[in-house]
Amino acid sequence: MIGKSIGEVRIGDTAELSKTISESDVYLYAGITGDFNPAHINEPYAAGTVFRTRIVHGMLLAGFICSVVGTQLPGPGTIYVRQELNFSAPVRIGDTITARVEVLEIIPATNRLRLKTICVNQDGAVVLHGEAIVSPPLKKIP
């Protein structure tokens, strides 16, 4: 399966996925990346922070955007070129996050797309926002 080529994408196209973040997700992410920041994995420590409890790794949320880009829009075969991320609110274990991608610009000369990237929680609050530049797959001529 191959994703959409630049000629198959339109400005305004969107795709999204939702996931409820579990404690296991946080610990698995910490184990894979080596990011054992106590703000994420140590409840007694996190209770003394401004957030009053553990928060989810911001880059775990960014991974949800990668999932949308790599599996839906443009989809399989897409290559990331750049991602800007702005973290605007904490995410806690048990929150349901929806990652959404929207095509803002099509750049045929360089086979690039500029995408709006956003994550919102179950209350509709924006927790992450930014823009990405990606290179969609080229279609093979049969």
N, C-alpha and C. Protein backbone atom coordinates (compact mmCIF):
# COMPACT_ATOMS: atom_id res chain seq x y z
N MET A 1 0.85 -1.18 0.00
CA MET A 1 0.00 0.00 0.00
C MET A 1 0.89 1.24 0.00
N ILE A 2 0.51 2.21 -0.78
CA ILE A 2 1.26 3.46 -0.85
C ILE A 2 0.29 4.62 -0.62
N GLY A 3 0.78 5.67 0.02
CA GLY A 3 -0.06 6.82 0.34
C GLY A 3 -0.38 7.67 -0.88
N LYS A 4 -0.99 8.80 -0.62
CA LYS A 4 -1.39 9.73 -1.67
C LYS A 4 -0.19 10.49 -2.20
N SER A 5 -0.11 10.60 -3.51
CA SER A 5 0.93 11.42 -4.12
C SER A 5 0.48 12.88 -4.07
N ILE A 6 1.37 13.76 -4.43
CA ILE A 6 1.07 15.19 -4.37
C ILE A 6 -0.14 15.56 -5.25
N GLY A 7 -0.32 14.85 -6.34
CA GLY A 7 -1.45 15.11 -7.22
C GLY A 7 -2.79 14.61 -6.70
N GLU A 8 -2.75 13.80 -5.64
CA GLU A 8 -3.98 13.25 -5.07
C GLU A 8 -4.42 13.98 -3.80
N VAL A 9 -3.66 14.97 -3.38
CA VAL A 9 -3.93 15.71 -2.16
C VAL A 9 -4.49 17.08 -2.51
N ARG A 10 -5.42 17.56 -1.70
CA ARG A 10 -6.02 18.88 -1.90
C ARG A 10 -5.86 19.72 -0.64
N ILE A 11 -5.72 21.03 -0.80
CA ILE A 11 -5.69 21.94 0.34
C ILE A 11 -7.00 21.75 1.11
N GLY A 12 -6.87 21.64 2.42
CA GLY A 12 -8.03 21.42 3.27
C GLY A 12 -8.27 19.97 3.63
N ASP A 13 -7.60 19.03 2.96
CA ASP A 13 -7.72 17.61 3.33
C ASP A 13 -7.28 17.43 4.78
N THR A 14 -7.98 16.56 5.50
CA THR A 14 -7.64 16.31 6.90
C THR A 14 -7.66 14.81 7.19
N ALA A 15 -6.99 14.46 8.26
CA ALA A 15 -7.02 13.09 8.80
C ALA A 15 -6.71 13.19 10.28
N GLU A 16 -7.19 12.20 11.06
CA GLU A 16 -6.94 12.24 12.49
C GLU A 16 -7.00 10.84 13.09
N LEU A 17 -6.47 10.74 14.30
CA LEU A 17 -6.61 9.53 15.10
C LEU A 17 -6.73 9.95 16.55
N SER A 18 -7.39 9.09 17.34
CA SER A 18 -7.56 9.35 18.77
C SER A 18 -7.04 8.17 19.57
N LYS A 19 -6.48 8.48 20.73
CA LYS A 19 -5.96 7.44 21.63
C LYS A 19 -6.04 7.92 23.06
N THR A 20 -6.49 7.04 23.93
CA THR A 20 -6.44 7.31 25.37
C THR A 20 -5.08 6.82 25.87
N ILE A 21 -4.37 7.70 26.55
CA ILE A 21 -3.00 7.40 26.98
C ILE A 21 -3.02 6.67 28.32
N SER A 22 -2.41 5.51 28.33
CA SER A 22 -2.35 4.70 29.55
C SER A 22 -1.02 4.88 30.26
N GLU A 23 -0.97 4.41 31.48
CA GLU A 23 0.28 4.43 32.23
C GLU A 23 1.33 3.58 31.51
N SER A 24 0.89 2.47 30.94
CA SER A 24 1.81 1.61 30.18
C SER A 24 2.43 2.36 29.01
N ASP A 25 1.64 3.17 28.32
CA ASP A 25 2.17 3.95 27.20
C ASP A 25 3.33 4.83 27.66
N VAL A 26 3.15 5.48 28.79
CA VAL A 26 4.18 6.39 29.32
C VAL A 26 5.44 5.61 29.69
N TYR A 27 5.28 4.48 30.38
CA TYR A 27 6.45 3.69 30.78
C TYR A 27 7.15 3.06 29.58
N LEU A 28 6.38 2.59 28.60
CA LEU A 28 7.00 2.03 27.40
C LEU A 28 7.77 3.10 26.64
N TYR A 29 7.20 4.30 26.51
CA TYR A 29 7.89 5.39 25.83
C TYR A 29 9.19 5.73 26.57
N ALA A 30 9.11 5.80 27.90
CA ALA A 30 10.31 6.10 28.69
C ALA A 30 11.37 5.03 28.47
N GLY A 31 10.97 3.78 28.44
CA GLY A 31 11.92 2.69 28.23
C GLY A 31 12.55 2.71 26.86
N ILE A 32 11.76 3.01 25.84
CA ILE A 32 12.28 3.04 24.48
C ILE A 32 13.25 4.20 24.28
N THR A 33 12.89 5.37 24.80
CA THR A 33 13.69 6.57 24.55
C THR A 33 14.76 6.83 25.60
N GLY A 34 14.59 6.23 26.78
CA GLY A 34 15.51 6.52 27.87
C GLY A 34 15.17 7.79 28.62
N ASP A 35 14.01 8.39 28.34
CA ASP A 35 13.60 9.63 29.01
C ASP A 35 12.85 9.27 30.30
N PHE A 36 13.61 9.15 31.38
CA PHE A 36 13.04 8.81 32.67
C PHE A 36 12.88 10.05 33.57
N ASN A 37 12.59 11.17 32.95
CA ASN A 37 12.33 12.40 33.70
C ASN A 37 11.26 12.09 34.75
N PRO A 38 11.52 12.42 36.03
CA PRO A 38 10.55 12.09 37.08
C PRO A 38 9.20 12.79 36.91
N ALA A 39 9.15 13.85 36.12
CA ALA A 39 7.86 14.50 35.86
C ALA A 39 6.91 13.57 35.12
N HIS A 40 7.47 12.54 34.48
CA HIS A 40 6.67 11.59 33.71
C HIS A 40 6.44 10.27 34.44
N ILE A 41 7.39 9.84 35.27
CA ILE A 41 7.30 8.48 35.79
C ILE A 41 7.30 8.36 37.32
N ASN A 42 7.47 9.46 38.03
CA ASN A 42 7.57 9.40 39.48
C ASN A 42 6.46 10.24 40.11
N GLU A 43 5.40 9.58 40.55
CA GLU A 43 4.23 10.31 41.07
C GLU A 43 4.56 11.16 42.30
N PRO A 44 5.30 10.66 43.30
CA PRO A 44 5.61 11.53 44.44
C PRO A 44 6.37 12.79 44.01
N TYR A 45 7.32 12.65 43.10
CA TYR A 45 8.03 13.83 42.60
C TYR A 45 7.05 14.76 41.88
N ALA A 46 6.26 14.20 40.96
CA ALA A 46 5.35 15.00 40.13
C ALA A 46 4.30 15.72 40.97
N ALA A 47 3.93 15.14 42.11
CA ALA A 47 2.94 15.78 42.99
C ALA A 47 3.44 17.13 43.50
N GLY A 48 4.75 17.31 43.54
CA GLY A 48 5.33 18.56 43.99
C GLY A 48 5.58 19.58 42.89
N THR A 49 5.18 19.25 41.66
CA THR A 49 5.37 20.18 40.54
C THR A 49 4.12 21.02 40.34
N VAL A 50 4.21 21.97 39.45
CA VAL A 50 3.07 22.83 39.13
C VAL A 50 1.90 22.02 38.56
N PHE A 51 2.17 20.85 37.99
CA PHE A 51 1.11 20.03 37.39
C PHE A 51 0.41 19.13 38.40
N ARG A 52 1.03 18.91 39.57
CA ARG A 52 0.47 18.14 40.68
C ARG A 52 0.33 16.63 40.42
N THR A 53 0.72 16.19 39.24
CA THR A 53 0.71 14.77 38.91
C THR A 53 1.63 14.56 37.71
N ARG A 54 1.85 13.31 37.36
CA ARG A 54 2.71 13.03 36.20
C ARG A 54 2.08 13.57 34.92
N ILE A 55 2.94 14.00 34.02
CA ILE A 55 2.48 14.43 32.70
C ILE A 55 3.10 13.52 31.65
N VAL A 56 2.43 13.44 30.51
CA VAL A 56 2.87 12.59 29.41
C VAL A 56 4.00 13.28 28.65
N HIS A 57 4.95 12.52 28.18
CA HIS A 57 6.05 13.05 27.36
C HIS A 57 5.46 13.79 26.15
N GLY A 58 5.92 15.00 25.92
CA GLY A 58 5.45 15.76 24.77
C GLY A 58 5.74 15.08 23.45
N MET A 59 6.90 14.43 23.37
CA MET A 59 7.26 13.79 22.12
C MET A 59 6.44 12.53 21.84
N LEU A 60 5.84 11.96 22.88
CA LEU A 60 4.89 10.87 22.65
C LEU A 60 3.70 11.39 21.85
N LEU A 61 3.24 12.57 22.20
CA LEU A 61 2.14 13.20 21.45
C LEU A 61 2.55 13.47 20.00
N ALA A 62 3.78 13.95 19.82
CA ALA A 62 4.28 14.20 18.47
C ALA A 62 4.26 12.93 17.64
N GLY A 63 4.48 11.79 18.30
CA GLY A 63 4.43 10.51 17.61
C GLY A 63 3.06 10.21 17.05
N PHE A 64 2.00 10.72 17.69
CA PHE A 64 0.65 10.51 17.16
C PHE A 64 0.49 11.25 15.83
N ILE A 65 1.09 12.45 15.74
CA ILE A 65 1.05 13.19 14.48
C ILE A 65 1.80 12.40 13.41
N CYS A 66 2.95 11.86 13.77
CA CYS A 66 3.72 11.03 12.83
C CYS A 66 2.87 9.87 12.33
N SER A 67 2.11 9.28 13.21
CA SER A 67 1.25 8.17 12.83
C SER A 67 0.22 8.58 11.79
N VAL A 68 -0.41 9.73 12.00
CA VAL A 68 -1.40 10.21 11.03
C VAL A 68 -0.73 10.46 9.67
N VAL A 69 0.42 11.12 9.68
CA VAL A 69 1.14 11.43 8.44
C VAL A 69 1.57 10.15 7.73
N GLY A 70 2.09 9.19 8.47
CA GLY A 70 2.65 7.99 7.87
C GLY A 70 1.66 6.91 7.51
N THR A 71 0.44 7.01 8.05
CA THR A 71 -0.54 5.97 7.76
C THR A 71 -1.79 6.46 7.04
N GLN A 72 -2.05 7.79 7.09
CA GLN A 72 -3.30 8.30 6.52
C GLN A 72 -3.10 9.42 5.51
N LEU A 73 -2.44 10.52 5.93
CA LEU A 73 -2.36 11.70 5.07
C LEU A 73 -0.97 12.31 5.14
N PRO A 74 -0.18 12.18 4.11
CA PRO A 74 -0.44 11.51 2.85
C PRO A 74 -0.44 9.99 2.93
N GLY A 75 0.20 9.41 3.96
CA GLY A 75 0.15 7.98 4.14
C GLY A 75 1.47 7.27 3.89
N PRO A 76 1.41 5.94 3.75
CA PRO A 76 2.63 5.14 3.62
C PRO A 76 3.56 5.63 2.50
N GLY A 77 4.83 5.72 2.85
CA GLY A 77 5.84 6.20 1.91
C GLY A 77 6.19 7.67 2.10
N THR A 78 5.45 8.38 2.93
CA THR A 78 5.71 9.79 3.19
C THR A 78 6.99 9.94 4.01
N ILE A 79 7.77 10.96 3.68
CA ILE A 79 9.01 11.25 4.40
C ILE A 79 8.87 12.62 5.08
N TYR A 80 9.16 12.62 6.39
CA TYR A 80 9.17 13.88 7.13
C TYR A 80 10.37 14.72 6.73
N VAL A 81 10.18 16.02 6.55
CA VAL A 81 11.26 16.96 6.28
C VAL A 81 11.47 17.86 7.49
N ARG A 82 10.36 18.34 8.07
CA ARG A 82 10.46 19.27 9.20
C ARG A 82 9.17 19.20 10.02
N GLN A 83 9.30 19.41 11.33
CA GLN A 83 8.14 19.50 12.21
C GLN A 83 8.39 20.57 13.26
N GLU A 84 7.53 21.54 13.34
CA GLU A 84 7.56 22.55 14.40
C GLU A 84 6.51 22.15 15.42
N LEU A 85 6.88 22.18 16.70
CA LEU A 85 5.97 21.79 17.77
C LEU A 85 5.90 22.88 18.83
N ASN A 86 4.70 23.18 19.27
CA ASN A 86 4.47 24.10 20.37
C ASN A 86 3.58 23.38 21.37
N PHE A 87 4.06 23.22 22.59
CA PHE A 87 3.31 22.52 23.63
C PHE A 87 2.55 23.56 24.45
N SER A 88 1.22 23.47 24.43
CA SER A 88 0.41 24.53 25.03
C SER A 88 -0.33 24.12 26.30
N ALA A 89 -0.41 22.84 26.61
CA ALA A 89 -1.07 22.40 27.83
C ALA A 89 -0.57 21.00 28.18
N PRO A 90 -0.55 20.68 29.47
CA PRO A 90 -0.08 19.35 29.87
C PRO A 90 -1.10 18.27 29.51
N VAL A 91 -0.57 17.08 29.30
CA VAL A 91 -1.41 15.90 29.07
C VAL A 91 -1.13 14.94 30.21
N ARG A 92 -2.21 14.39 30.76
CA ARG A 92 -2.08 13.48 31.89
C ARG A 92 -2.47 12.06 31.48
N ILE A 93 -1.98 11.10 32.22
CA ILE A 93 -2.36 9.71 31.99
C ILE A 93 -3.88 9.62 32.10
N GLY A 94 -4.50 8.95 31.13
CA GLY A 94 -5.96 8.83 31.09
C GLY A 94 -6.61 9.80 30.13
N ASP A 95 -5.88 10.83 29.70
CA ASP A 95 -6.44 11.77 28.72
C ASP A 95 -6.58 11.08 27.36
N THR A 96 -7.59 11.46 26.63
CA THR A 96 -7.77 10.99 25.25
C THR A 96 -7.33 12.11 24.33
N ILE A 97 -6.35 11.80 23.49
CA ILE A 97 -5.76 12.79 22.60
C ILE A 97 -6.16 12.49 21.16
N THR A 98 -6.57 13.53 20.46
CA THR A 98 -6.85 13.42 19.03
C THR A 98 -5.79 14.21 18.29
N ALA A 99 -5.04 13.52 17.43
CA ALA A 99 -4.03 14.15 16.58
C ALA A 99 -4.66 14.38 15.22
N ARG A 100 -4.51 15.61 14.71
CA ARG A 100 -5.14 15.98 13.44
C ARG A 100 -4.13 16.67 12.54
N VAL A 101 -4.21 16.35 11.27
CA VAL A 101 -3.34 16.93 10.25
C VAL A 101 -4.23 17.54 9.18
N GLU A 102 -3.86 18.73 8.70
CA GLU A 102 -4.60 19.40 7.63
C GLU A 102 -3.62 19.95 6.60
N VAL A 103 -3.91 19.73 5.34
CA VAL A 103 -3.05 20.24 4.26
C VAL A 103 -3.28 21.74 4.12
N LEU A 104 -2.20 22.52 4.30
CA LEU A 104 -2.26 23.98 4.17
C LEU A 104 -1.74 24.46 2.82
N GLU A 105 -0.74 23.76 2.30
CA GLU A 105 -0.09 24.21 1.06
C GLU A 105 0.48 23.01 0.31
N ILE A 106 0.36 23.06 -1.00
CA ILE A 106 0.94 22.04 -1.87
C ILE A 106 2.05 22.71 -2.67
N ILE A 107 3.25 22.13 -2.65
CA ILE A 107 4.42 22.72 -3.30
C ILE A 107 4.93 21.71 -4.34
N PRO A 108 4.34 21.72 -5.55
CA PRO A 108 4.69 20.71 -6.55
C PRO A 108 6.15 20.73 -6.98
N ALA A 109 6.78 21.90 -7.04
CA ALA A 109 8.15 22.00 -7.54
C ALA A 109 9.13 21.17 -6.72
N THR A 110 8.86 20.99 -5.44
CA THR A 110 9.76 20.22 -4.58
C THR A 110 9.09 18.98 -3.99
N ASN A 111 7.90 18.65 -4.47
CA ASN A 111 7.13 17.51 -3.97
C ASN A 111 7.00 17.58 -2.44
N ARG A 112 6.51 18.74 -1.98
CA ARG A 112 6.34 18.96 -0.54
C ARG A 112 4.91 19.38 -0.24
N LEU A 113 4.49 19.06 0.98
CA LEU A 113 3.23 19.54 1.53
C LEU A 113 3.53 20.25 2.84
N ARG A 114 2.82 21.37 3.06
CA ARG A 114 2.88 22.04 4.37
C ARG A 114 1.60 21.67 5.09
N LEU A 115 1.75 21.14 6.30
CA LEU A 115 0.62 20.63 7.06
C LEU A 115 0.45 21.37 8.38
N LYS A 116 -0.78 21.64 8.74
CA LYS A 116 -1.09 22.09 10.10
C LYS A 116 -1.18 20.83 10.94
N THR A 117 -0.51 20.84 12.10
CA THR A 117 -0.54 19.69 13.00
C THR A 117 -1.04 20.14 14.36
N ILE A 118 -1.93 19.35 14.94
CA ILE A 118 -2.54 19.74 16.21
C ILE A 118 -2.94 18.50 16.99
N CYS A 119 -2.85 18.59 18.31
CA CYS A 119 -3.39 17.58 19.20
C CYS A 119 -4.31 18.27 20.19
N VAL A 120 -5.48 17.70 20.39
CA VAL A 120 -6.43 18.22 21.37
C VAL A 120 -6.79 17.11 22.35
N ASN A 121 -7.18 17.51 23.56
CA ASN A 121 -7.59 16.51 24.54
C ASN A 121 -9.10 16.27 24.48
N GLN A 122 -9.59 15.44 25.36
CA GLN A 122 -11.00 15.06 25.36
C GLN A 122 -11.94 16.24 25.60
N ASP A 123 -11.43 17.33 26.14
CA ASP A 123 -12.23 18.53 26.38
C ASP A 123 -12.13 19.53 25.23
N GLY A 124 -11.36 19.18 24.20
CA GLY A 124 -11.18 20.08 23.06
C GLY A 124 -10.07 21.09 23.24
N ALA A 125 -9.34 21.00 24.35
CA ALA A 125 -8.23 21.93 24.59
C ALA A 125 -7.03 21.54 23.72
N VAL A 126 -6.43 22.53 23.08
CA VAL A 126 -5.23 22.30 22.27
C VAL A 126 -4.06 22.06 23.22
N VAL A 127 -3.40 20.92 23.05
CA VAL A 127 -2.25 20.59 23.90
C VAL A 127 -0.94 20.68 23.13
N LEU A 128 -1.01 20.64 21.81
CA LEU A 128 0.16 20.72 20.95
C LEU A 128 -0.31 21.27 19.60
N HIS A 129 0.48 22.17 19.04
CA HIS A 129 0.16 22.67 17.69
C HIS A 129 1.45 23.02 16.98
N GLY A 130 1.38 23.00 15.66
CA GLY A 130 2.56 23.32 14.88
C GLY A 130 2.32 23.13 13.40
N GLU A 131 3.41 23.04 12.66
CA GLU A 131 3.35 22.81 11.22
C GLU A 131 4.42 21.80 10.85
N ALA A 132 4.14 21.07 9.78
CA ALA A 132 5.09 20.10 9.26
C ALA A 132 5.29 20.32 7.78
N ILE A 133 6.46 19.94 7.32
CA ILE A 133 6.74 19.84 5.88
C ILE A 133 7.04 18.37 5.62
N VAL A 134 6.33 17.79 4.67
CA VAL A 134 6.54 16.38 4.35
C VAL A 134 6.66 16.22 2.84
N SER A 135 7.27 15.11 2.46
CA SER A 135 7.38 14.75 1.05
C SER A 135 6.53 13.50 0.83
N PRO A 136 5.39 13.65 0.13
CA PRO A 136 4.53 12.49 -0.09
C PRO A 136 5.19 11.50 -1.06
N PRO A 137 4.68 10.29 -1.06
CA PRO A 137 5.28 9.28 -1.94
C PRO A 137 5.06 9.63 -3.41
N LEU A 138 5.99 9.17 -4.23
CA LEU A 138 5.83 9.30 -5.68
C LEU A 138 5.10 8.06 -6.16
N LYS A 139 4.18 8.24 -7.07
CA LYS A 139 3.46 7.10 -7.63
C LYS A 139 4.34 6.42 -8.68
N LYS A 140 4.38 5.11 -8.62
CA LYS A 140 5.12 4.36 -9.62
C LYS A 140 4.22 4.15 -10.84
N ILE A 141 4.79 4.30 -12.00
CA ILE A 141 4.06 4.06 -13.24
C ILE A 141 4.07 2.56 -13.51
N PRO A 142 2.87 1.96 -13.68
CA PRO A 142 2.81 0.50 -13.88
C PRO A 142 3.50 0.06 -15.14
